[in-house]
ModelCIF file with pLDDT and N, C-alpha, C, O atoms, coordinates in Angstrom:
data_MODEL
#
_entry.id   MODEL 
#
_entity.id                         1 
_entity.type                       polymer 
_entity.pdbx_number_of_molecules   1 
#
_entity_poly.entity_id                      1 
_entity_poly.type                           'polypeptide(L)' 
_entity_poly.nstd_linkage                   no 
_entity_poly.nstd_monomer                   no 
_entity_poly.pdbx_seq_one_letter_code       STLMKILAGAYIKDSGTIMFDGEQVEIGSPKQAEKIGISIIYQEL 
_entity_poly.pdbx_seq_one_letter_code_can   STLMKILAGAYIKDSGTIMFDGEQVEIGSPKQAEKIGISIIYQEL 
_entity_poly.pdbx_strand_id                 A 
#
loop_
_entity_poly_seq.entity_id 
_entity_poly_seq.num 
_entity_poly_seq.mon_id 
_entity_poly_seq.hetero 
1 1  SER n 
1 2  THR n 
1 3  LEU n 
1 4  MET n 
1 5  LYS n 
1 6  ILE n 
1 7  LEU n 
1 8  ALA n 
1 9  GLY n 
1 10 ALA n 
1 11 TYR n 
1 12 ILE n 
1 13 LYS n 
1 14 ASP n 
1 15 SER n 
1 16 GLY n 
1 17 THR n 
1 18 ILE n 
1 19 MET n 
1 20 PHE n 
1 21 ASP n 
1 22 GLY n 
1 23 GLU n 
1 24 GLN n 
1 25 VAL n 
1 26 GLU n 
1 27 ILE n 
1 28 GLY n 
1 29 SER n 
1 30 PRO n 
1 31 LYS n 
1 32 GLN n 
1 33 ALA n 
1 34 GLU n 
1 35 LYS n 
1 36 ILE n 
1 37 GLY n 
1 38 ILE n 
1 39 SER n 
1 40 ILE n 
1 41 ILE n 
1 42 TYR n 
1 43 GLN n 
1 44 GLU n 
1 45 LEU n 
#
_struct_asym.id          A 
_struct_asym.entity_id   1 
#
loop_
_ma_qa_metric.id 
_ma_qa_metric.mode 
_ma_qa_metric.name 
_ma_qa_metric.software_group_id 
_ma_qa_metric.type 
1 global pLDDT . pLDDT 
2 local  pLDDT . pLDDT 
#
_ma_qa_metric_global.metric_id      1 
_ma_qa_metric_global.metric_value   90.42 
_ma_qa_metric_global.model_id       1 
_ma_qa_metric_global.ordinal_id     1 
#
loop_
_ma_qa_metric_local.label_asym_id 
_ma_qa_metric_local.label_comp_id 
_ma_qa_metric_local.label_seq_id 
_ma_qa_metric_local.metric_id 
_ma_qa_metric_local.metric_value 
_ma_qa_metric_local.model_id 
_ma_qa_metric_local.ordinal_id 
A SER 1  2 87.00 1 1  
A THR 2  2 91.00 1 2  
A LEU 3  2 94.00 1 3  
A MET 4  2 93.00 1 4  
A LYS 5  2 92.00 1 5  
A ILE 6  2 95.00 1 6  
A LEU 7  2 95.00 1 7  
A ALA 8  2 92.00 1 8  
A GLY 9  2 93.00 1 9  
A ALA 10 2 91.00 1 10 
A TYR 11 2 93.00 1 11 
A ILE 12 2 94.00 1 12 
A LYS 13 2 95.00 1 13 
A ASP 14 2 95.00 1 14 
A SER 15 2 95.00 1 15 
A GLY 16 2 95.00 1 16 
A THR 17 2 96.00 1 17 
A ILE 18 2 96.00 1 18 
A MET 19 2 95.00 1 19 
A PHE 20 2 94.00 1 20 
A ASP 21 2 90.00 1 21 
A GLY 22 2 89.00 1 22 
A GLU 23 2 92.00 1 23 
A GLN 24 2 94.00 1 24 
A VAL 25 2 94.00 1 25 
A GLU 26 2 93.00 1 26 
A ILE 27 2 93.00 1 27 
A GLY 28 2 91.00 1 28 
A SER 29 2 93.00 1 29 
A PRO 30 2 90.00 1 30 
A LYS 31 2 89.00 1 31 
A GLN 32 2 92.00 1 32 
A ALA 33 2 92.00 1 33 
A GLU 34 2 87.00 1 34 
A LYS 35 2 89.00 1 35 
A ILE 36 2 92.00 1 36 
A GLY 37 2 90.00 1 37 
A ILE 38 2 92.00 1 38 
A SER 39 2 88.00 1 39 
A ILE 40 2 87.00 1 40 
A ILE 41 2 83.00 1 41 
A TYR 42 2 80.00 1 42 
A GLN 43 2 72.00 1 43 
A GLU 44 2 71.00 1 44 
A LEU 45 2 75.00 1 45 
#
loop_
_atom_site.group_PDB 
_atom_site.id 
_atom_site.type_symbol 
_atom_site.label_atom_id 
_atom_site.label_alt_id 
_atom_site.label_comp_id 
_atom_site.label_asym_id 
_atom_site.label_entity_id 
_atom_site.label_seq_id 
_atom_site.pdbx_PDB_ins_code 
_atom_site.Cartn_x 
_atom_site.Cartn_y 
_atom_site.Cartn_z 
_atom_site.occupancy 
_atom_site.B_iso_or_equiv 
_atom_site.pdbx_formal_charge 
_atom_site.auth_seq_id 
_atom_site.auth_comp_id 
_atom_site.auth_asym_id 
_atom_site.auth_atom_id 
_atom_site.pdbx_PDB_model_num 
ATOM 1   N N  . SER A 1 1  ? 5.332  9.864   4.680   1.00 87.00 ? 1  SER A N  1 
ATOM 2   C CA . SER A 1 1  ? 4.085  9.260   5.163   1.00 87.00 ? 1  SER A CA 1 
ATOM 3   C C  . SER A 1 1  ? 3.092  9.052   4.022   1.00 87.00 ? 1  SER A C  1 
ATOM 4   O O  . SER A 1 1  ? 2.383  8.047   3.986   1.00 87.00 ? 1  SER A O  1 
ATOM 5   N N  . THR A 1 2  ? 3.045  10.007  3.089   1.00 91.00 ? 2  THR A N  1 
ATOM 6   C CA . THR A 1 2  ? 2.130  9.870   1.950   1.00 91.00 ? 2  THR A CA 1 
ATOM 7   C C  . THR A 1 2  ? 2.509  8.647   1.118   1.00 91.00 ? 2  THR A C  1 
ATOM 8   O O  . THR A 1 2  ? 1.640  7.880   0.702   1.00 91.00 ? 2  THR A O  1 
ATOM 9   N N  . LEU A 1 3  ? 3.800  8.469   0.877   1.00 94.00 ? 3  LEU A N  1 
ATOM 10  C CA . LEU A 1 3  ? 4.266  7.320   0.098   1.00 94.00 ? 3  LEU A CA 1 
ATOM 11  C C  . LEU A 1 3  ? 3.901  6.016   0.795   1.00 94.00 ? 3  LEU A C  1 
ATOM 12  O O  . LEU A 1 3  ? 3.477  5.059   0.148   1.00 94.00 ? 3  LEU A O  1 
ATOM 13  N N  . MET A 1 4  ? 4.067  5.977   2.120   1.00 93.00 ? 4  MET A N  1 
ATOM 14  C CA . MET A 1 4  ? 3.754  4.752   2.869   1.00 93.00 ? 4  MET A CA 1 
ATOM 15  C C  . MET A 1 4  ? 2.248  4.499   2.924   1.00 93.00 ? 4  MET A C  1 
ATOM 16  O O  . MET A 1 4  ? 1.820  3.345   2.910   1.00 93.00 ? 4  MET A O  1 
ATOM 17  N N  . LYS A 1 5  ? 1.441  5.556   2.987   1.00 92.00 ? 5  LYS A N  1 
ATOM 18  C CA . LYS A 1 5  ? -0.010 5.369   3.005   1.00 92.00 ? 5  LYS A CA 1 
ATOM 19  C C  . LYS A 1 5  ? -0.518 4.854   1.660   1.00 92.00 ? 5  LYS A C  1 
ATOM 20  O O  . LYS A 1 5  ? -1.525 4.150   1.594   1.00 92.00 ? 5  LYS A O  1 
ATOM 21  N N  . ILE A 1 6  ? 0.186  5.210   0.598   1.00 95.00 ? 6  ILE A N  1 
ATOM 22  C CA . ILE A 1 6  ? -0.148 4.645   -0.719  1.00 95.00 ? 6  ILE A CA 1 
ATOM 23  C C  . ILE A 1 6  ? 0.215  3.162   -0.743  1.00 95.00 ? 6  ILE A C  1 
ATOM 24  O O  . ILE A 1 6  ? -0.551 2.344   -1.253  1.00 95.00 ? 6  ILE A O  1 
ATOM 25  N N  . LEU A 1 7  ? 1.368  2.816   -0.199  1.00 95.00 ? 7  LEU A N  1 
ATOM 26  C CA . LEU A 1 7  ? 1.778  1.416   -0.135  1.00 95.00 ? 7  LEU A CA 1 
ATOM 27  C C  . LEU A 1 7  ? 0.808  0.595   0.720   1.00 95.00 ? 7  LEU A C  1 
ATOM 28  O O  . LEU A 1 7  ? 0.538  -0.569  0.424   1.00 95.00 ? 7  LEU A O  1 
ATOM 29  N N  . ALA A 1 8  ? 0.289  1.218   1.782   1.00 92.00 ? 8  ALA A N  1 
ATOM 30  C CA . ALA A 1 8  ? -0.603 0.506   2.709   1.00 92.00 ? 8  ALA A CA 1 
ATOM 31  C C  . ALA A 1 8  ? -2.068 0.586   2.305   1.00 92.00 ? 8  ALA A C  1 
ATOM 32  O O  . ALA A 1 8  ? -2.925 0.053   3.010   1.00 92.00 ? 8  ALA A O  1 
ATOM 33  N N  . GLY A 1 9  ? -2.380 1.248   1.175   1.00 93.00 ? 9  GLY A N  1 
ATOM 34  C CA . GLY A 1 9  ? -3.744 1.298   0.677   1.00 93.00 ? 9  GLY A CA 1 
ATOM 35  C C  . GLY A 1 9  ? -4.631 2.352   1.313   1.00 93.00 ? 9  GLY A C  1 
ATOM 36  O O  . GLY A 1 9  ? -5.831 2.395   1.044   1.00 93.00 ? 9  GLY A O  1 
ATOM 37  N N  . ALA A 1 10 ? -4.046 3.218   2.166   1.00 91.00 ? 10 ALA A N  1 
ATOM 38  C CA . ALA A 1 10 ? -4.840 4.275   2.804   1.00 91.00 ? 10 ALA A CA 1 
ATOM 39  C C  . ALA A 1 10 ? -5.090 5.430   1.828   1.00 91.00 ? 10 ALA A C  1 
ATOM 40  O O  . ALA A 1 10 ? -6.121 6.098   1.913   1.00 91.00 ? 10 ALA A O  1 
ATOM 41  N N  . TYR A 1 11 ? -4.155 5.667   0.906   1.00 93.00 ? 11 TYR A N  1 
ATOM 42  C CA . TYR A 1 11 ? -4.315 6.656   -0.163  1.00 93.00 ? 11 TYR A CA 1 
ATOM 43  C C  . TYR A 1 11 ? -4.202 5.933   -1.501  1.00 93.00 ? 11 TYR A C  1 
ATOM 44  O O  . TYR A 1 11 ? -3.556 4.891   -1.605  1.00 93.00 ? 11 TYR A O  1 
ATOM 45  N N  . ILE A 1 12 ? -4.841 6.501   -2.523  1.00 94.00 ? 12 ILE A N  1 
ATOM 46  C CA . ILE A 1 12 ? -4.722 5.979   -3.893  1.00 94.00 ? 12 ILE A CA 1 
ATOM 47  C C  . ILE A 1 12 ? -3.801 6.911   -4.678  1.00 94.00 ? 12 ILE A C  1 
ATOM 48  O O  . ILE A 1 12 ? -4.025 8.121   -4.708  1.00 94.00 ? 12 ILE A O  1 
ATOM 49  N N  . LYS A 1 13 ? -2.782 6.364   -5.305  1.00 95.00 ? 13 LYS A N  1 
ATOM 50  C CA . LYS A 1 13 ? -1.851 7.182   -6.088  1.00 95.00 ? 13 LYS A CA 1 
ATOM 51  C C  . LYS A 1 13 ? -2.556 7.790   -7.300  1.00 95.00 ? 13 LYS A C  1 
ATOM 52  O O  . LYS A 1 13 ? -3.523 7.228   -7.813  1.00 95.00 ? 13 LYS A O  1 
ATOM 53  N N  . ASP A 1 14 ? -2.060 8.945   -7.749  1.00 95.00 ? 14 ASP A N  1 
ATOM 54  C CA . ASP A 1 14 ? -2.584 9.555   -8.971  1.00 95.00 ? 14 ASP A CA 1 
ATOM 55  C C  . ASP A 1 14 ? -1.944 8.923   -10.206 1.00 95.00 ? 14 ASP A C  1 
ATOM 56  O O  . ASP A 1 14 ? -2.594 8.741   -11.236 1.00 95.00 ? 14 ASP A O  1 
ATOM 57  N N  . SER A 1 15 ? -0.649 8.591   -10.082 1.00 95.00 ? 15 SER A N  1 
ATOM 58  C CA . SER A 1 15 ? 0.049  7.926   -11.188 1.00 95.00 ? 15 SER A CA 1 
ATOM 59  C C  . SER A 1 15 ? 1.262  7.193   -10.646 1.00 95.00 ? 15 SER A C  1 
ATOM 60  O O  . SER A 1 15 ? 1.655  7.383   -9.496  1.00 95.00 ? 15 SER A O  1 
ATOM 61  N N  . GLY A 1 16 ? 1.858  6.342   -11.498 1.00 95.00 ? 16 GLY A N  1 
ATOM 62  C CA . GLY A 1 16 ? 3.011  5.548   -11.092 1.00 95.00 ? 16 GLY A CA 1 
ATOM 63  C C  . GLY A 1 16 ? 2.670  4.071   -11.018 1.00 95.00 ? 16 GLY A C  1 
ATOM 64  O O  . GLY A 1 16 ? 1.512  3.683   -11.169 1.00 95.00 ? 16 GLY A O  1 
ATOM 65  N N  . THR A 1 17 ? 3.694  3.243   -10.781 1.00 96.00 ? 17 THR A N  1 
ATOM 66  C CA . THR A 1 17 ? 3.492  1.790   -10.714 1.00 96.00 ? 17 THR A CA 1 
ATOM 67  C C  . THR A 1 17 ? 4.077  1.229   -9.418  1.00 96.00 ? 17 THR A C  1 
ATOM 68  O O  . THR A 1 17 ? 5.054  1.741   -8.871  1.00 96.00 ? 17 THR A O  1 
ATOM 69  N N  . ILE A 1 18 ? 3.434  0.152   -8.953  1.00 96.00 ? 18 ILE A N  1 
ATOM 70  C CA . ILE A 1 18 ? 3.910  -0.561  -7.764  1.00 96.00 ? 18 ILE A CA 1 
ATOM 71  C C  . ILE A 1 18 ? 4.095  -2.026  -8.147  1.00 96.00 ? 18 ILE A C  1 
ATOM 72  O O  . ILE A 1 18 ? 3.166  -2.686  -8.612  1.00 96.00 ? 18 ILE A O  1 
ATOM 73  N N  . MET A 1 19 ? 5.311  -2.518  -7.941  1.00 95.00 ? 19 MET A N  1 
ATOM 74  C CA . MET A 1 19 ? 5.615  -3.931  -8.154  1.00 95.00 ? 19 MET A CA 1 
ATOM 75  C C  . MET A 1 19 ? 5.825  -4.566  -6.782  1.00 95.00 ? 19 MET A C  1 
ATOM 76  O O  . MET A 1 19 ? 6.639  -4.089  -5.993  1.00 95.00 ? 19 MET A O  1 
ATOM 77  N N  . PHE A 1 20 ? 5.092  -5.638  -6.501  1.00 94.00 ? 20 PHE A N  1 
ATOM 78  C CA . PHE A 1 20 ? 5.238  -6.343  -5.224  1.00 94.00 ? 20 PHE A CA 1 
ATOM 79  C C  . PHE A 1 20 ? 5.625  -7.788  -5.487  1.00 94.00 ? 20 PHE A C  1 
ATOM 80  O O  . PHE A 1 20 ? 4.868  -8.550  -6.089  1.00 94.00 ? 20 PHE A O  1 
ATOM 81  N N  . ASP A 1 21 ? 6.807  -8.150  -5.031  1.00 90.00 ? 21 ASP A N  1 
ATOM 82  C CA . ASP A 1 21 ? 7.322  -9.514  -5.196  1.00 90.00 ? 21 ASP A CA 1 
ATOM 83  C C  . ASP A 1 21 ? 7.272  -9.959  -6.656  1.00 90.00 ? 21 ASP A C  1 
ATOM 84  O O  . ASP A 1 21 ? 6.902  -11.089 -6.973  1.00 90.00 ? 21 ASP A O  1 
ATOM 85  N N  . GLY A 1 22 ? 7.663  -9.018  -7.544  1.00 89.00 ? 22 GLY A N  1 
ATOM 86  C CA . GLY A 1 22 ? 7.788  -9.335  -8.961  1.00 89.00 ? 22 GLY A CA 1 
ATOM 87  C C  . GLY A 1 22 ? 6.545  -9.129  -9.797  1.00 89.00 ? 22 GLY A C  1 
ATOM 88  O O  . GLY A 1 22 ? 6.594  -9.285  -11.017 1.00 89.00 ? 22 GLY A O  1 
ATOM 89  N N  . GLU A 1 23 ? 5.418  -8.778  -9.169  1.00 92.00 ? 23 GLU A N  1 
ATOM 90  C CA . GLU A 1 23 ? 4.179  -8.595  -9.926  1.00 92.00 ? 23 GLU A CA 1 
ATOM 91  C C  . GLU A 1 23 ? 3.622  -7.191  -9.720  1.00 92.00 ? 23 GLU A C  1 
ATOM 92  O O  . GLU A 1 23 ? 3.685  -6.654  -8.614  1.00 92.00 ? 23 GLU A O  1 
ATOM 93  N N  . GLN A 1 24 ? 3.075  -6.590  -10.787 1.00 94.00 ? 24 GLN A N  1 
ATOM 94  C CA . GLN A 1 24 ? 2.468  -5.270  -10.664 1.00 94.00 ? 24 GLN A CA 1 
ATOM 95  C C  . GLN A 1 24 ? 1.143  -5.390  -9.920  1.00 94.00 ? 24 GLN A C  1 
ATOM 96  O O  . GLN A 1 24 ? 0.335  -6.277  -10.196 1.00 94.00 ? 24 GLN A O  1 
ATOM 97  N N  . VAL A 1 25 ? 0.935  -4.467  -8.960  1.00 94.00 ? 25 VAL A N  1 
ATOM 98  C CA . VAL A 1 25 ? -0.288 -4.516  -8.148  1.00 94.00 ? 25 VAL A CA 1 
ATOM 99  C C  . VAL A 1 25 ? -0.926 -3.130  -8.085  1.00 94.00 ? 25 VAL A C  1 
ATOM 100 O O  . VAL A 1 25 ? -0.257 -2.104  -8.209  1.00 94.00 ? 25 VAL A O  1 
ATOM 101 N N  . GLU A 1 26 ? -2.234 -3.138  -7.891  1.00 93.00 ? 26 GLU A N  1 
ATOM 102 C CA . GLU A 1 26 ? -2.984 -1.918  -7.587  1.00 93.00 ? 26 GLU A CA 1 
ATOM 103 C C  . GLU A 1 26 ? -3.555 -2.096  -6.183  1.00 93.00 ? 26 GLU A C  1 
ATOM 104 O O  . GLU A 1 26 ? -4.404 -2.958  -5.954  1.00 93.00 ? 26 GLU A O  1 
ATOM 105 N N  . ILE A 1 27 ? -3.090 -1.286  -5.259  1.00 93.00 ? 27 ILE A N  1 
ATOM 106 C CA . ILE A 1 27 ? -3.494 -1.439  -3.856  1.00 93.00 ? 27 ILE A CA 1 
ATOM 107 C C  . ILE A 1 27 ? -4.589 -0.426  -3.558  1.00 93.00 ? 27 ILE A C  1 
ATOM 108 O O  . ILE A 1 27 ? -4.315 0.764   -3.399  1.00 93.00 ? 27 ILE A O  1 
ATOM 109 N N  . GLY A 1 28 ? -5.839 -0.900  -3.483  1.00 91.00 ? 28 GLY A N  1 
ATOM 110 C CA . GLY A 1 28 ? -6.984 -0.002  -3.373  1.00 91.00 ? 28 GLY A CA 1 
ATOM 111 C C  . GLY A 1 28 ? -7.512 0.199   -1.973  1.00 91.00 ? 28 GLY A C  1 
ATOM 112 O O  . GLY A 1 28 ? -8.374 1.049   -1.752  1.00 91.00 ? 28 GLY A O  1 
ATOM 113 N N  . SER A 1 29 ? -6.999 -0.586  -1.004  1.00 93.00 ? 29 SER A N  1 
ATOM 114 C CA . SER A 1 29 ? -7.512 -0.462  0.356   1.00 93.00 ? 29 SER A CA 1 
ATOM 115 C C  . SER A 1 29 ? -6.508 -1.083  1.329   1.00 93.00 ? 29 SER A C  1 
ATOM 116 O O  . SER A 1 29 ? -5.672 -1.887  0.918   1.00 93.00 ? 29 SER A O  1 
ATOM 117 N N  . PRO A 1 30 ? -6.579 -0.717  2.625   1.00 90.00 ? 30 PRO A N  1 
ATOM 118 C CA . PRO A 1 30 ? -5.706 -1.350  3.622   1.00 90.00 ? 30 PRO A CA 1 
ATOM 119 C C  . PRO A 1 30 ? -5.903 -2.865  3.682   1.00 90.00 ? 30 PRO A C  1 
ATOM 120 O O  . PRO A 1 30 ? -4.948 -3.612  3.894   1.00 90.00 ? 30 PRO A O  1 
ATOM 121 N N  . LYS A 1 31 ? -7.152 -3.316  3.493   1.00 89.00 ? 31 LYS A N  1 
ATOM 122 C CA . LYS A 1 31 ? -7.425 -4.757  3.525   1.00 89.00 ? 31 LYS A CA 1 
ATOM 123 C C  . LYS A 1 31 ? -6.700 -5.472  2.394   1.00 89.00 ? 31 LYS A C  1 
ATOM 124 O O  . LYS A 1 31 ? -6.188 -6.577  2.573   1.00 89.00 ? 31 LYS A O  1 
ATOM 125 N N  . GLN A 1 32 ? -6.659 -4.838  1.235   1.00 92.00 ? 32 GLN A N  1 
ATOM 126 C CA . GLN A 1 32 ? -5.963 -5.433  0.086   1.00 92.00 ? 32 GLN A CA 1 
ATOM 127 C C  . GLN A 1 32 ? -4.465 -5.485  0.328   1.00 92.00 ? 32 GLN A C  1 
ATOM 128 O O  . GLN A 1 32 ? -3.807 -6.466  -0.017  1.00 92.00 ? 32 GLN A O  1 
ATOM 129 N N  . ALA A 1 33 ? -3.921 -4.414  0.929   1.00 92.00 ? 33 ALA A N  1 
ATOM 130 C CA . ALA A 1 33 ? -2.486 -4.387  1.252   1.00 92.00 ? 33 ALA A CA 1 
ATOM 131 C C  . ALA A 1 33 ? -2.147 -5.499  2.235   1.00 92.00 ? 33 ALA A C  1 
ATOM 132 O O  . ALA A 1 33 ? -1.143 -6.196  2.088   1.00 92.00 ? 33 ALA A O  1 
ATOM 133 N N  . GLU A 1 34 ? -3.004 -5.649  3.244   1.00 87.00 ? 34 GLU A N  1 
ATOM 134 C CA . GLU A 1 34 ? -2.808 -6.692  4.255   1.00 87.00 ? 34 GLU A CA 1 
ATOM 135 C C  . GLU A 1 34 ? -2.853 -8.081  3.619   1.00 87.00 ? 34 GLU A C  1 
ATOM 136 O O  . GLU A 1 34 ? -2.083 -8.968  3.989   1.00 87.00 ? 34 GLU A O  1 
ATOM 137 N N  . LYS A 1 35 ? -3.761 -8.258  2.661   1.00 89.00 ? 35 LYS A N  1 
ATOM 138 C CA . LYS A 1 35 ? -3.940 -9.563  2.029   1.00 89.00 ? 35 LYS A CA 1 
ATOM 139 C C  . LYS A 1 35 ? -2.690 -10.017 1.278   1.00 89.00 ? 35 LYS A C  1 
ATOM 140 O O  . LYS A 1 35 ? -2.366 -11.205 1.263   1.00 89.00 ? 35 LYS A O  1 
ATOM 141 N N  . ILE A 1 36 ? -1.982 -9.056  0.647   1.00 92.00 ? 36 ILE A N  1 
ATOM 142 C CA . ILE A 1 36 ? -0.789 -9.453  -0.113  1.00 92.00 ? 36 ILE A CA 1 
ATOM 143 C C  . ILE A 1 36 ? 0.474  -9.467  0.751   1.00 92.00 ? 36 ILE A C  1 
ATOM 144 O O  . ILE A 1 36 ? 1.543  -9.867  0.290   1.00 92.00 ? 36 ILE A O  1 
ATOM 145 N N  . GLY A 1 37 ? 0.340  -9.016  2.039   1.00 90.00 ? 37 GLY A N  1 
ATOM 146 C CA . GLY A 1 37 ? 1.481  -9.139  2.941   1.00 90.00 ? 37 GLY A CA 1 
ATOM 147 C C  . GLY A 1 37 ? 2.161  -7.839  3.318   1.00 90.00 ? 37 GLY A C  1 
ATOM 148 O O  . GLY A 1 37 ? 3.353  -7.830  3.625   1.00 90.00 ? 37 GLY A O  1 
ATOM 149 N N  . ILE A 1 38 ? 1.417  -6.739  3.300   1.00 92.00 ? 38 ILE A N  1 
ATOM 150 C CA . ILE A 1 38 ? 1.978  -5.433  3.689   1.00 92.00 ? 38 ILE A CA 1 
ATOM 151 C C  . ILE A 1 38 ? 1.292  -4.976  4.970   1.00 92.00 ? 38 ILE A C  1 
ATOM 152 O O  . ILE A 1 38 ? 0.064  -4.912  5.034   1.00 92.00 ? 38 ILE A O  1 
ATOM 153 N N  . SER A 1 39 ? 2.075  -4.662  5.978   1.00 88.00 ? 39 SER A N  1 
ATOM 154 C CA . SER A 1 39 ? 1.517  -4.190  7.249   1.00 88.00 ? 39 SER A CA 1 
ATOM 155 C C  . SER A 1 39 ? 2.224  -2.908  7.660   1.00 88.00 ? 39 SER A C  1 
ATOM 156 O O  . SER A 1 39 ? 3.430  -2.769  7.453   1.00 88.00 ? 39 SER A O  1 
ATOM 157 N N  . ILE A 1 40 ? 1.478  -1.964  8.245   1.00 87.00 ? 40 ILE A N  1 
ATOM 158 C CA . ILE A 1 40 ? 2.065  -0.692  8.661   1.00 87.00 ? 40 ILE A CA 1 
ATOM 159 C C  . ILE A 1 40 ? 1.758  -0.452  10.133  1.00 87.00 ? 40 ILE A C  1 
ATOM 160 O O  . ILE A 1 40 ? 0.618  -0.599  10.575  1.00 87.00 ? 40 ILE A O  1 
ATOM 161 N N  . ILE A 1 41 ? 2.788  -0.083  10.883  1.00 83.00 ? 41 ILE A N  1 
ATOM 162 C CA . ILE A 1 41 ? 2.641  0.261   12.295  1.00 83.00 ? 41 ILE A CA 1 
ATOM 163 C C  . ILE A 1 41 ? 2.812  1.766   12.408  1.00 83.00 ? 41 ILE A C  1 
ATOM 164 O O  . ILE A 1 41 ? 3.923  2.285   12.297  1.00 83.00 ? 41 ILE A O  1 
ATOM 165 N N  . TYR A 1 42 ? 1.695  2.467   12.630  1.00 80.00 ? 42 TYR A N  1 
ATOM 166 C CA . TYR A 1 42 ? 1.729  3.923   12.685  1.00 80.00 ? 42 TYR A CA 1 
ATOM 167 C C  . TYR A 1 42 ? 2.311  4.402   14.008  1.00 80.00 ? 42 TYR A C  1 
ATOM 168 O O  . TYR A 1 42 ? 2.358  3.659   14.988  1.00 80.00 ? 42 TYR A O  1 
ATOM 169 N N  . GLN A 1 43 ? 2.757  5.670   14.017  1.00 72.00 ? 43 GLN A N  1 
ATOM 170 C CA . GLN A 1 43 ? 3.312  6.268   15.223  1.00 72.00 ? 43 GLN A CA 1 
ATOM 171 C C  . GLN A 1 43 ? 2.273  6.252   16.349  1.00 72.00 ? 43 GLN A C  1 
ATOM 172 O O  . GLN A 1 43 ? 2.610  5.971   17.499  1.00 72.00 ? 43 GLN A O  1 
ATOM 173 N N  . GLU A 1 44 ? 0.997  6.557   16.015  1.00 71.00 ? 44 GLU A N  1 
ATOM 174 C CA . GLU A 1 44 ? -0.082 6.432   16.985  1.00 71.00 ? 44 GLU A CA 1 
ATOM 175 C C  . GLU A 1 44 ? -0.599 4.994   16.884  1.00 71.00 ? 44 GLU A C  1 
ATOM 176 O O  . GLU A 1 44 ? -1.288 4.643   15.926  1.00 71.00 ? 44 GLU A O  1 
ATOM 177 N N  . LEU A 1 45 ? -0.266 4.177   17.866  1.00 75.00 ? 45 LEU A N  1 
ATOM 178 C CA . LEU A 1 45 ? -0.533 2.745   17.800  1.00 75.00 ? 45 LEU A CA 1 
ATOM 179 C C  . LEU A 1 45 ? -2.026 2.465   17.623  1.00 75.00 ? 45 LEU A C  1 
ATOM 180 O O  . LEU A 1 45 ? -2.432 1.305   17.548  1.00 75.00 ? 45 LEU A O  1 
#
């Protein structure tokens, strides 16, 4: 869940890199994740 929340912009990673569709990205918020095409459906809808 922590890894997915980092992907979805809910948490900010301490270190590491994220490549999305061939480009390095910094995902700072859920809105930013949504903008580039990442959506998360949580267990609690």
